[in-house]
């Protein structure tokens, strides 16, 4: 399996950072220097994103296995959105190597189901997947806008997201499609009771992509969880509220 690209900086406990769908590790630029004062950061590009290699297939299990290869012992793992689902699976599969989890704007189940109302309509996600094939640039632009909806200083945060997206080569199209398929099919709700590590949940209270009530549900069902809500915040609290985000991690 091709090894993932990882940038390592700072000193302290190992903190592994996993970005979300369509992004890369540069998305953490607004908080990396402050975090590096307290942690040894491992900024990971997931497969097919940033400077990591393109793969032939991208299942959640394969992605988790690739992160496991570069994971230091006793790591804190921080995952944003799709990266949060990777982090949960990693904690379940390698409980002795993951000491804590930080789940940013993460949901255990991205789409609505008969017994789960805090997700996106399946038809909406399927249409998004179809539009990605037909109107790539416009669809990604709409997704970036959704990330900042409900937050303060939306124009500035949207500019940051767009600038980061074009910082490296664009993500592999197959990786994008596979990531959406993971979001469509993954349901980790029944697994949360098995997460033995302490979990810090960081969530924008106005997030329109992963509803804050999904984080509240996880807070109730994870054995050792703490929830911090970010008022007037959308899907990317580390961009809109960098100081509050960093302070939350300092308290780990």
Protein backbone atom coordinates (compact mmCIF):
# COMPACT_ATOMS: atom_id res chain seq x y z
CA UNK A 1 0.00 0.00 0.00
CA UNK A 2 1.37 3.44 -0.95
CA UNK A 3 2.40 5.44 2.08
CA UNK A 4 0.53 8.64 2.88
CA UNK A 5 2.17 12.05 2.86
CA UNK A 6 2.60 13.41 6.40
CA UNK A 7 4.11 16.70 7.56
CA UNK A 8 5.48 16.55 11.11
CA UNK A 9 6.23 19.60 13.23
CA UNK A 10 6.24 20.75 16.84
CA UNK A 11 7.01 19.08 20.16
CA UNK A 12 4.79 17.39 22.70
CA UNK A 13 2.19 14.62 22.62
CA UNK A 14 1.54 13.23 19.13
CA UNK A 15 -1.54 14.80 17.52
CA UNK A 16 -2.59 13.31 14.18
CA UNK A 17 -4.81 15.60 12.08
CA UNK A 18 -7.17 14.14 9.44
CA UNK A 19 -8.86 16.53 7.01
CA UNK A 20 -12.32 16.21 5.50
CA UNK A 21 -13.74 15.42 2.05
CA UNK A 22 -12.08 17.14 -0.95
CA UNK A 23 -9.45 18.88 1.20
CA UNK A 24 -5.86 18.23 2.29
CA UNK A 25 -3.69 18.88 5.33
CA UNK A 26 -3.18 22.54 4.39
CA UNK A 27 -6.69 23.20 5.70
CA UNK A 28 -5.18 23.26 9.22
CA UNK A 29 -2.85 26.20 8.42
CA UNK A 30 -4.81 28.66 10.58
CA UNK A 31 -4.16 26.62 13.74
CA UNK A 32 -1.02 24.59 13.01
CA UNK A 33 1.59 26.98 14.43
CA UNK A 34 -0.28 27.47 17.70
CA UNK A 35 -0.91 23.73 18.06
CA UNK A 36 2.75 22.98 17.31
CA UNK A 37 3.69 24.85 20.49
CA UNK A 38 1.99 22.12 22.55
CA UNK A 39 1.87 19.05 20.29
CA UNK A 40 3.96 17.09 17.82
CA UNK A 41 1.65 17.48 14.85
CA UNK A 42 1.23 14.88 12.13
CA UNK A 43 -0.62 16.61 9.28
CA UNK A 44 -1.88 13.83 7.03
CA UNK A 45 -3.01 13.97 3.41
CA UNK A 46 -5.57 11.20 2.96
CA UNK A 47 -5.14 9.04 -0.17
CA UNK A 48 -5.89 10.81 -3.44
CA UNK A 49 -5.70 14.21 -1.72
CA UNK A 50 -2.90 16.77 -1.40
CA UNK A 51 0.50 15.15 -1.84
CA UNK A 52 -0.59 11.59 -1.04
CA UNK A 53 -0.67 9.03 -3.86
CA UNK A 54 -3.66 8.12 -5.97
CA UNK A 55 -5.08 4.65 -5.35
CA UNK A 56 -7.16 2.29 -7.42
CA UNK A 57 -9.76 1.92 -4.65
CA UNK A 58 -10.67 3.91 -1.55
CA UNK A 59 -12.74 1.97 0.95
CA UNK A 60 -13.04 3.25 4.51
CA UNK A 61 -11.16 0.17 5.70
CA UNK A 62 -8.28 0.84 3.27
CA UNK A 63 -8.05 4.47 4.33
CA UNK A 64 -8.03 3.51 8.02
CA UNK A 65 -5.29 0.93 7.37
CA UNK A 66 -3.15 3.53 5.58
CA UNK A 67 -3.42 5.96 8.49
CA UNK A 68 -2.60 3.13 10.91
CA UNK A 69 0.72 2.66 9.09
CA UNK A 70 1.90 6.17 9.98
CA UNK A 71 0.30 6.37 13.43
CA UNK A 72 2.68 6.88 16.38
CA UNK A 73 2.00 5.01 19.61
CA UNK A 74 -0.34 6.74 22.07
CA UNK A 75 -1.59 9.27 19.52
CA UNK A 76 -4.35 11.80 19.88
CA UNK A 77 -6.29 11.63 16.61
CA UNK A 78 -8.23 14.66 15.42
CA UNK A 79 -10.59 14.18 12.47
CA UNK A 80 -12.75 16.72 10.67
CA UNK A 81 -16.04 15.57 9.12
CA UNK A 82 -15.18 12.54 6.94
CA UNK A 83 -11.80 12.49 8.70
CA UNK A 84 -13.72 12.12 11.95
CA UNK A 85 -15.34 8.92 10.72
CA UNK A 86 -11.86 7.65 9.81
CA UNK A 87 -10.71 8.58 13.33
CA UNK A 88 -13.57 6.66 14.96
CA UNK A 89 -12.77 3.52 12.95
CA UNK A 90 -9.09 3.94 13.77
CA UNK A 91 -9.82 4.15 17.50
CA UNK A 92 -11.93 1.01 17.31
CA UNK A 93 -9.37 -0.98 15.30
CA UNK A 94 -6.25 0.21 17.20
CA UNK A 95 -7.39 0.99 20.75
CA UNK A 96 -3.91 0.73 22.25
CA UNK A 97 -2.38 3.22 19.79
CA UNK A 98 -5.11 5.87 19.90
CA UNK A 99 -5.13 7.55 23.31
CA UNK A 100 -7.81 10.18 22.63
CA UNK A 101 -10.13 11.34 19.87
CA UNK A 102 -11.06 14.85 18.78
CA UNK A 103 -14.05 14.81 16.43
CA UNK A 104 -14.64 18.08 14.60
CA UNK A 105 -17.99 18.55 12.83
CA UNK A 106 -18.36 14.78 12.74
CA UNK A 107 -21.46 12.62 12.55
CA UNK A 108 -21.71 8.84 13.03
CA UNK A 109 -24.19 8.64 10.14
CA UNK A 110 -24.13 11.26 7.38
CA UNK A 111 -27.47 10.50 5.70
CA UNK A 112 -30.95 10.28 7.15
CA UNK A 113 -32.37 6.85 7.94
CA UNK A 114 -35.69 5.70 9.34
CA UNK A 115 -34.31 5.97 12.87
CA UNK A 116 -31.89 8.86 12.25
CA UNK A 117 -33.08 12.37 11.47
CA UNK A 118 -29.82 14.29 11.92
CA UNK A 119 -28.45 13.63 8.46
CA UNK A 120 -28.66 14.75 4.86
CA UNK A 121 -31.48 13.39 2.72
CA UNK A 122 -30.12 10.45 0.75
CA UNK A 123 -31.62 11.89 -2.44
CA UNK A 124 -29.73 15.15 -1.86
CA UNK A 125 -26.41 13.36 -1.50
CA UNK A 126 -27.08 11.21 -4.57
CA UNK A 127 -27.87 14.35 -6.57
CA UNK A 128 -24.67 15.93 -5.28
CA UNK A 129 -22.72 12.87 -6.48
CA UNK A 130 -24.38 13.12 -9.89
CA UNK A 131 -23.67 16.84 -10.14
CA UNK A 132 -20.02 16.27 -9.22
CA UNK A 133 -19.70 14.20 -12.41
CA UNK A 134 -21.52 16.71 -14.61
CA UNK A 135 -20.57 20.08 -13.12
CA UNK A 136 -17.39 19.51 -11.12
CA UNK A 137 -16.32 23.11 -10.41
CA UNK A 138 -19.81 24.42 -9.65
CA UNK A 139 -20.59 21.49 -7.35
CA UNK A 140 -17.41 21.94 -5.33
CA UNK A 141 -18.05 25.68 -5.11
CA UNK A 142 -21.52 25.00 -3.72
CA UNK A 143 -20.04 22.57 -1.19
CA UNK A 144 -17.53 25.19 -0.02
CA UNK A 145 -20.38 27.66 0.47
CA UNK A 146 -22.33 25.12 2.54
CA UNK A 147 -19.31 24.73 4.81
CA UNK A 148 -19.45 28.38 5.88
CA UNK A 149 -23.25 28.78 6.01
CA UNK A 150 -24.49 29.77 9.44
CA UNK A 151 -21.13 31.07 10.56
CA UNK A 152 -19.71 34.49 11.26
CA UNK A 153 -17.33 36.18 8.79
CA UNK A 154 -18.52 33.86 6.02
CA UNK A 155 -16.72 35.70 3.21
CA UNK A 156 -13.32 35.42 4.88
CA UNK A 157 -13.76 31.75 5.82
CA UNK A 158 -14.99 30.88 2.31
CA UNK A 159 -11.91 32.58 0.84
CA UNK A 160 -9.68 30.49 3.13
CA UNK A 161 -11.36 27.26 2.03
CA UNK A 162 -11.05 28.12 -1.66
CA UNK A 163 -7.42 29.17 -1.29
CA UNK A 164 -6.56 25.93 0.51
CA UNK A 165 -8.31 23.84 -2.13
CA UNK A 166 -6.05 25.22 -4.87
CA UNK A 167 -2.90 25.05 -2.74
CA UNK A 168 -2.04 21.61 -4.16
CA UNK A 169 -3.21 19.64 -7.15
CA UNK A 170 -6.91 18.91 -7.13
CA UNK A 171 -7.99 15.68 -5.43
CA UNK A 172 -8.34 12.53 -7.47
CA UNK A 173 -11.85 12.32 -8.91
CA UNK A 174 -12.15 8.66 -7.97
CA UNK A 175 -11.16 9.53 -4.38
CA UNK A 176 -13.89 12.19 -4.27
CA UNK A 177 -16.53 9.76 -5.50
CA UNK A 178 -15.36 7.09 -3.07
CA UNK A 179 -15.46 9.56 -0.19
CA UNK A 180 -19.07 10.41 -0.96
CA UNK A 181 -19.87 6.70 -1.17
CA UNK A 182 -18.37 6.26 2.30
CA UNK A 183 -20.57 9.07 3.62
CA UNK A 184 -23.59 7.50 1.93
CA UNK A 185 -23.11 4.03 3.40
CA UNK A 186 -21.30 4.42 6.74
CA UNK A 187 -23.29 4.14 9.97
CA UNK A 188 -21.16 4.01 13.11
CA UNK A 189 -23.89 4.55 15.68
CA UNK A 190 -23.86 1.02 17.08
CA UNK A 191 -20.05 1.11 17.34
CA UNK A 192 -19.80 4.19 19.54
CA UNK A 193 -20.38 2.27 22.78
CA UNK A 194 -17.15 0.37 22.02
CA UNK A 195 -15.00 3.51 21.82
CA UNK A 196 -12.99 3.29 25.04
CA UNK A 197 -10.92 6.46 24.60
CA UNK A 198 -11.85 9.93 25.85
CA UNK A 199 -13.51 11.87 23.03
CA UNK A 200 -13.68 15.64 22.58
CA UNK A 201 -16.51 16.74 20.28
CA UNK A 202 -16.08 20.17 18.66
CA UNK A 203 -19.06 21.33 16.60
CA UNK A 204 -20.39 24.52 15.07
CA UNK A 205 -23.87 25.19 16.41
CA UNK A 206 -25.09 26.37 12.97
CA UNK A 207 -23.45 23.60 10.91
CA UNK A 208 -25.70 22.79 7.92
CA UNK A 209 -23.64 19.82 6.69
CA UNK A 210 -23.41 17.81 9.91
CA UNK A 211 -26.10 18.97 12.32
CA UNK A 212 -25.05 19.82 15.86
CA UNK A 213 -27.72 17.44 17.19
CA UNK A 214 -25.65 14.59 15.74
CA UNK A 215 -22.82 15.70 18.03
CA UNK A 216 -25.22 15.92 20.96
CA UNK A 217 -26.36 12.36 20.20
CA UNK A 218 -22.75 11.16 20.16
CA UNK A 219 -22.13 12.97 23.44
CA UNK A 220 -24.90 10.88 25.00
CA UNK A 221 -23.79 7.56 23.50
CA UNK A 222 -19.99 7.68 23.75
CA UNK A 223 -18.74 6.33 27.11
CA UNK A 224 -16.24 9.16 27.74
CA UNK A 225 -17.17 12.29 25.79
CA UNK A 226 -17.10 16.06 26.19
CA UNK A 227 -18.95 18.38 23.80
CA UNK A 228 -17.97 21.97 23.04
CA UNK A 229 -20.30 23.93 20.79
CA UNK A 230 -19.11 26.93 18.79
CA UNK A 231 -21.81 29.65 18.57
CA UNK A 232 -22.36 31.41 15.23
CA UNK A 233 -20.23 28.75 13.56
CA UNK A 234 -20.66 26.51 10.52
CA UNK A 235 -18.80 23.38 9.43
CA UNK A 236 -15.20 24.57 9.93
CA UNK A 237 -14.71 25.93 13.48
CA UNK A 238 -10.90 25.87 13.18
CA UNK A 239 -11.20 28.46 10.37
CA UNK A 240 -13.89 30.72 11.81
CA UNK A 241 -12.91 30.36 15.50
CA UNK A 242 -9.20 29.40 15.46
CA UNK A 243 -8.33 30.67 18.94
CA UNK A 244 -11.27 28.92 20.60
CA UNK A 245 -10.43 25.76 18.65
CA UNK A 246 -6.80 25.77 19.76
CA UNK A 247 -7.72 26.49 23.37
CA UNK A 248 -10.09 23.51 23.33
CA UNK A 249 -7.22 21.23 22.30
CA UNK A 250 -4.81 22.74 24.82
CA UNK A 251 -7.15 21.48 27.53
CA UNK A 252 -6.82 17.83 26.47
